[in-house]
Amino acid sequence: MSKLLTEQEVRKLIPIGHSKYYELIGTGALRSVKIGRRRFVTEQAVVDYIAGLDQAAA
């Protein structure tokens, strides 16, 4: 089971700003879930995003 991460937790793992965080979510590059009015990202979504960066660089 993956932990749900807040925006601040994700931004500690991926060095991006607030605007870039929401841009990645909006484009679907970083998958998220909405619970109530809050949006969360799973740990696996962060791992998948980073893996995608590695593949794009290769």
C-alpha atoms as a PDB file:
ATOM      1  CA  MET A   1       0.000   0.000   0.000  1.00  0.00           C
ATOM      2  CA  SER A   2       1.373   3.416  -0.966  1.00  0.00           C
ATOM      3  CA  LYS A   3       1.300   6.350   1.387  1.00  0.00           C
ATOM      4  CA  LEU A   4      -0.569   9.470   0.279  1.00  0.00           C
ATOM      5  CA  LEU A   5       1.741  12.468   0.163  1.00  0.00           C
ATOM      6  CA  THR A   6       0.864  16.136   0.518  1.00  0.00           C
ATOM      7  CA  GLU A   7       2.195  18.819  -1.801  1.00  0.00           C
ATOM      8  CA  GLN A   8       4.923  19.720   0.694  1.00  0.00           C
ATOM      9  CA  GLU A   9       6.042  16.097   1.048  1.00  0.00           C
ATOM     10  CA  VAL A  10       6.220  15.640  -2.726  1.00  0.00           C
ATOM     11  CA  ARG A  11       8.183  18.868  -3.133  1.00  0.00           C
ATOM     12  CA  LYS A  12      10.736  17.614  -0.593  1.00  0.00           C
ATOM     13  CA  LEU A  13      11.251  14.506  -2.748  1.00  0.00           C
ATOM     14  CA  ILE A  14      11.222  16.314  -6.106  1.00  0.00           C
ATOM     15  CA  PRO A  15      12.875  19.757  -6.123  1.00  0.00           C
ATOM     16  CA  ILE A  16      10.083  21.682  -7.860  1.00  0.00           C
ATOM     17  CA  GLY A  17       8.084  24.780  -7.039  1.00  0.00           C
ATOM     18  CA  HIS A  18       4.410  25.145  -6.246  1.00  0.00           C
ATOM     19  CA  SER A  19       3.419  26.098  -9.803  1.00  0.00           C
ATOM     20  CA  LYS A  20       5.384  23.253 -11.391  1.00  0.00           C
ATOM     21  CA  TYR A  21       3.753  20.789  -8.945  1.00  0.00           C
ATOM     22  CA  TYR A  22       0.273  21.751 -10.147  1.00  0.00           C
ATOM     23  CA  GLU A  23       1.410  21.854 -13.771  1.00  0.00           C
ATOM     24  CA  LEU A  24       2.642  18.243 -13.503  1.00  0.00           C
ATOM     25  CA  ILE A  25      -0.647  17.188 -11.940  1.00  0.00           C
ATOM     26  CA  GLY A  26      -2.662  19.088 -14.556  1.00  0.00           C
ATOM     27  CA  THR A  27      -0.833  17.435 -17.454  1.00  0.00           C
ATOM     28  CA  GLY A  28      -1.055  13.991 -15.853  1.00  0.00           C
ATOM     29  CA  ALA A  29       2.725  13.650 -15.604  1.00  0.00           C
ATOM     30  CA  LEU A  30       2.292  13.250 -11.843  1.00  0.00           C
ATOM     31  CA  ARG A  31      -0.780  11.206 -10.965  1.00  0.00           C
ATOM     32  CA  SER A  32      -2.858  12.401  -8.039  1.00  0.00           C
ATOM     33  CA  VAL A  33      -6.071  11.655  -6.182  1.00  0.00           C
ATOM     34  CA  LYS A  34      -8.544  14.106  -4.754  1.00  0.00           C
ATOM     35  CA  ILE A  35     -10.090  13.498  -1.356  1.00  0.00           C
ATOM     36  CA  GLY A  36     -12.564  16.166  -0.416  1.00  0.00           C
ATOM     37  CA  ARG A  37     -10.964  19.455  -1.410  1.00  0.00           C
ATOM     38  CA  ARG A  38      -7.392  18.216  -0.992  1.00  0.00           C
ATOM     39  CA  ARG A  39      -5.175  16.598  -3.591  1.00  0.00           C
ATOM     40  CA  PHE A  40      -2.634  13.900  -2.764  1.00  0.00           C
ATOM     41  CA  VAL A  41       0.056  12.036  -4.680  1.00  0.00           C
ATOM     42  CA  THR A  42       0.968   8.428  -3.918  1.00  0.00           C
ATOM     43  CA  GLU A  43       4.552   7.398  -3.259  1.00  0.00           C
ATOM     44  CA  GLN A  44       4.322   5.132  -6.312  1.00  0.00           C
ATOM     45  CA  ALA A  45       3.314   8.078  -8.513  1.00  0.00           C
ATOM     46  CA  VAL A  46       6.481   9.905  -7.409  1.00  0.00           C
ATOM     47  CA  VAL A  47       8.601   6.816  -8.158  1.00  0.00           C
ATOM     48  CA  ASP A  48       6.959   6.485 -11.591  1.00  0.00           C
ATOM     49  CA  TYR A  49       7.537  10.189 -12.363  1.00  0.00           C
ATOM     50  CA  ILE A  50      11.221   9.944 -11.460  1.00  0.00           C
ATOM     51  CA  ALA A  51      11.587   6.747 -13.492  1.00  0.00           C
ATOM     52  CA  GLY A  52      10.065   8.585 -16.447  1.00  0.00           C
ATOM     53  CA  LEU A  53      12.685  11.308 -16.091  1.00  0.00           C
ATOM     54  CA  ASP A  54      15.423   8.672 -16.167  1.00  0.00           C
ATOM     55  CA  GLN A  55      13.959   7.142 -19.335  1.00  0.00           C
ATOM     56  CA  ALA A  56      13.628  10.537 -21.043  1.00  0.00           C
ATOM     57  CA  ALA A  57      17.273  11.315 -20.273  1.00  0.00           C
ATOM     58  CA  ALA A  58      18.477   8.037 -21.783  1.00  0.00           C
END
